[in-house]
Amino acid sequence: MAAPRTQTPAPARTFAQRFSATRRGARLARLLAAHQLTEWGHPHDTEAHDAVVLVVAELAANAVLHGRVPGRDFALFLVCDDSREVVRIEVTDTHPARPTRSAPGPDEDGGRGLLLVDALAADWGVRDRLGPGKTVWAECATAPRT
C-alpha cells in the first residue's frame, strides 16, 4: 500500500507596485488591484473582488490625502494566500502619523474610510516600517461568507 501523499500548500501569489502620492496614483492602485484579483481567479462582481478593491481604494486614498509627504510615493503590496483564503493588502506611506478611526457627523463629506475597511476586512491594523512612515494592512476573505 502506498503512503498517503501530503499536499504542500500553494505558494502565496504577490503583487507590489509604487505609485505617485496623487489622486491619479490612488486610482491606478485601485485599477491594478482589480486587474490582479481577476488574474488570480477572483472576478469582478464577486464578494472577494469587490471587498478587496474597496479596501485598496480607501487605503490608497488615505495614503494620498493623509499620508502624503512631498516628493515621496506610496506602495501597494497584495498577497493572495489560498491556503488561508485571504488577500492581504498593505499600503505603505512615509508620513509618521497613524490613521485614526472617527465617526464623522452626518453633514461631513469624509472620514468614513476606516469604518468601511473595518466592515469589509476580516482584520486590519497599522505597523511601523523600516524608515519613516507606516504600513496600513488589511486582510479580506476570499471565500464567500455564510
Protein backbone atom coordinates (compact mmCIF):
# COMPACT_ATOMS: atom_id res chain seq x y z
CA MET A 1 0.00 0.00 0.00
CA ALA A 2 1.35 3.37 -0.99
CA ALA A 3 1.87 6.01 1.65
CA PRO A 4 -0.64 8.86 1.50
CA ARG A 5 0.61 11.91 -0.34
CA THR A 6 0.62 15.14 1.53
CA GLN A 7 -0.06 18.27 -0.39
CA THR A 8 2.17 21.20 0.18
CA PRO A 9 0.31 24.47 0.26
CA ALA A 10 0.49 26.51 -2.90
CA PRO A 11 2.81 29.47 -2.57
CA ALA A 12 1.15 32.78 -1.99
CA ARG A 13 0.87 34.99 -5.06
CA THR A 14 2.04 38.57 -4.71
CA PHE A 15 1.77 41.95 -6.41
CA ALA A 16 3.85 45.00 -5.49
CA GLN A 17 3.92 48.47 -7.02
CA ARG A 18 4.83 52.03 -6.06
CA PHE A 19 2.55 54.90 -7.03
CA SER A 20 2.77 58.67 -7.00
CA ALA A 21 1.04 60.12 -3.96
CA THR A 22 -1.65 61.75 -6.09
CA ARG A 23 -5.32 61.09 -6.77
CA ARG A 24 -4.25 59.58 -10.08
CA GLY A 25 -1.84 57.25 -8.25
CA ALA A 26 -4.61 56.13 -5.89
CA ARG A 27 -6.93 55.46 -8.85
CA LEU A 28 -4.23 53.46 -10.63
CA ALA A 29 -3.62 51.40 -7.47
CA ARG A 30 -7.32 50.51 -7.35
CA LEU A 31 -7.47 49.63 -11.06
CA LEU A 32 -4.34 47.47 -10.95
CA ALA A 33 -5.55 45.68 -7.81
CA ALA A 34 -8.84 44.90 -9.57
CA HIS A 35 -6.97 43.54 -12.59
CA GLN A 36 -4.65 41.44 -10.40
CA LEU A 37 -7.57 39.93 -8.48
CA THR A 38 -9.19 38.89 -11.75
CA GLU A 39 -5.90 37.28 -12.82
CA TRP A 40 -5.85 35.39 -9.50
CA GLY A 41 -9.33 33.96 -10.14
CA HIS A 42 -11.47 36.43 -8.20
CA PRO A 43 -13.53 38.06 -10.98
CA HIS A 44 -15.41 41.35 -10.95
CA ASP A 45 -18.74 41.41 -9.10
CA THR A 46 -17.74 38.71 -6.60
CA GLU A 47 -17.75 39.44 -2.89
CA ALA A 48 -13.99 38.90 -2.53
CA HIS A 49 -13.09 41.06 -5.53
CA ASP A 50 -15.34 43.94 -4.56
CA ALA A 51 -14.23 43.93 -0.90
CA VAL A 52 -10.52 43.94 -1.74
CA VAL A 53 -10.90 46.66 -4.38
CA LEU A 54 -12.85 48.89 -1.97
CA VAL A 55 -10.26 48.39 0.78
CA VAL A 56 -7.42 49.17 -1.64
CA ALA A 57 -9.29 52.30 -2.77
CA GLU A 58 -9.77 53.52 0.81
CA LEU A 59 -6.22 52.79 1.96
CA ALA A 60 -4.70 54.33 -1.18
CA ALA A 61 -6.90 57.42 -0.80
CA ASN A 62 -5.80 57.75 2.83
CA ALA A 63 -2.14 57.44 1.79
CA VAL A 64 -2.62 60.24 -0.73
CA LEU A 65 -4.78 62.52 1.44
CA HIS A 66 -3.33 61.99 4.91
CA GLY A 67 -0.02 60.18 4.40
CA ARG A 68 1.43 62.26 1.61
CA VAL A 69 4.93 63.62 2.02
CA PRO A 70 6.02 65.87 -0.87
CA GLY A 71 8.34 64.03 -3.23
CA ARG A 72 7.52 60.60 -1.77
CA ASP A 73 5.43 57.78 -3.25
CA PHE A 74 3.22 55.22 -1.58
CA ALA A 75 3.43 51.47 -2.11
CA LEU A 76 0.79 48.78 -2.56
CA PHE A 77 1.54 45.15 -1.77
CA LEU A 78 -1.04 42.38 -2.26
CA VAL A 79 -0.73 38.75 -1.20
CA CYS A 80 -3.26 36.15 -2.30
CA ASP A 81 -2.97 33.28 0.19
CA ASP A 82 -5.28 30.50 -0.96
CA SER A 83 -4.34 28.23 1.94
CA ARG A 84 -5.76 30.83 4.38
CA GLU A 85 -8.44 32.04 1.92
CA VAL A 86 -7.43 35.68 2.29
CA VAL A 87 -5.99 38.53 0.31
CA ARG A 88 -3.67 40.69 2.38
CA ILE A 89 -3.46 44.35 1.40
CA GLU A 90 -0.61 46.56 2.56
CA VAL A 91 -0.33 50.27 1.78
CA THR A 92 2.85 51.99 2.91
CA ASP A 93 3.50 55.73 3.05
CA THR A 94 6.24 57.85 4.58
CA HIS A 95 4.13 60.08 6.84
CA PRO A 96 4.61 59.29 10.53
CA ALA A 97 1.02 59.99 11.65
CA ARG A 98 -1.07 56.91 12.33
CA PRO A 99 -4.62 56.75 10.98
CA THR A 100 -7.46 57.27 13.41
CA ARG A 101 -10.96 55.91 13.27
CA SER A 102 -13.60 58.52 13.88
CA ALA A 103 -17.33 58.71 13.43
CA PRO A 104 -17.98 61.77 11.26
CA GLY A 105 -21.13 63.80 11.60
CA PRO A 106 -23.98 63.29 9.13
CA ASP A 107 -23.11 66.50 7.25
CA GLU A 108 -19.40 65.70 6.85
CA ASP A 109 -18.16 64.53 3.45
CA GLY A 110 -15.23 62.38 4.58
CA GLY A 111 -13.95 60.36 7.48
CA ARG A 112 -15.67 57.05 6.79
CA GLY A 113 -12.82 55.22 5.05
CA LEU A 114 -11.51 53.26 8.02
CA LEU A 115 -15.06 52.45 9.10
CA LEU A 116 -15.54 50.89 5.67
CA VAL A 117 -12.24 49.00 5.95
CA ASP A 118 -13.32 47.76 9.38
CA ALA A 119 -16.62 46.50 7.93
CA LEU A 120 -15.11 44.78 4.87
CA ALA A 121 -11.88 43.30 6.24
CA ALA A 122 -11.58 40.23 8.44
CA ASP A 123 -8.77 42.08 10.25
CA TRP A 124 -6.69 45.22 9.80
CA GLY A 125 -4.08 47.27 11.59
CA VAL A 126 -1.07 49.53 11.37
CA ARG A 127 2.60 48.73 11.82
CA ASP A 128 5.82 50.69 11.69
CA ARG A 129 8.04 50.28 8.68
CA LEU A 130 11.77 50.40 8.24
CA GLY A 131 12.45 54.07 7.65
CA PRO A 132 9.91 56.84 8.09
CA GLY A 133 6.19 56.17 7.93
CA LYS A 134 3.89 53.23 8.45
CA THR A 135 2.11 50.38 6.73
CA VAL A 136 -1.65 50.02 6.98
CA TRP A 137 -2.70 46.45 6.29
CA ALA A 138 -5.98 44.59 5.95
CA GLU A 139 -6.98 41.02 5.21
CA CYS A 140 -10.13 40.23 3.24
CA ALA A 141 -11.64 36.76 2.99
CA THR A 142 -11.74 35.19 -0.44
CA ALA A 143 -14.28 32.51 0.45
CA PRO A 144 -17.93 33.60 0.38
CA ARG A 145 -19.39 34.43 3.78
CA THR A 146 -22.02 32.01 5.00
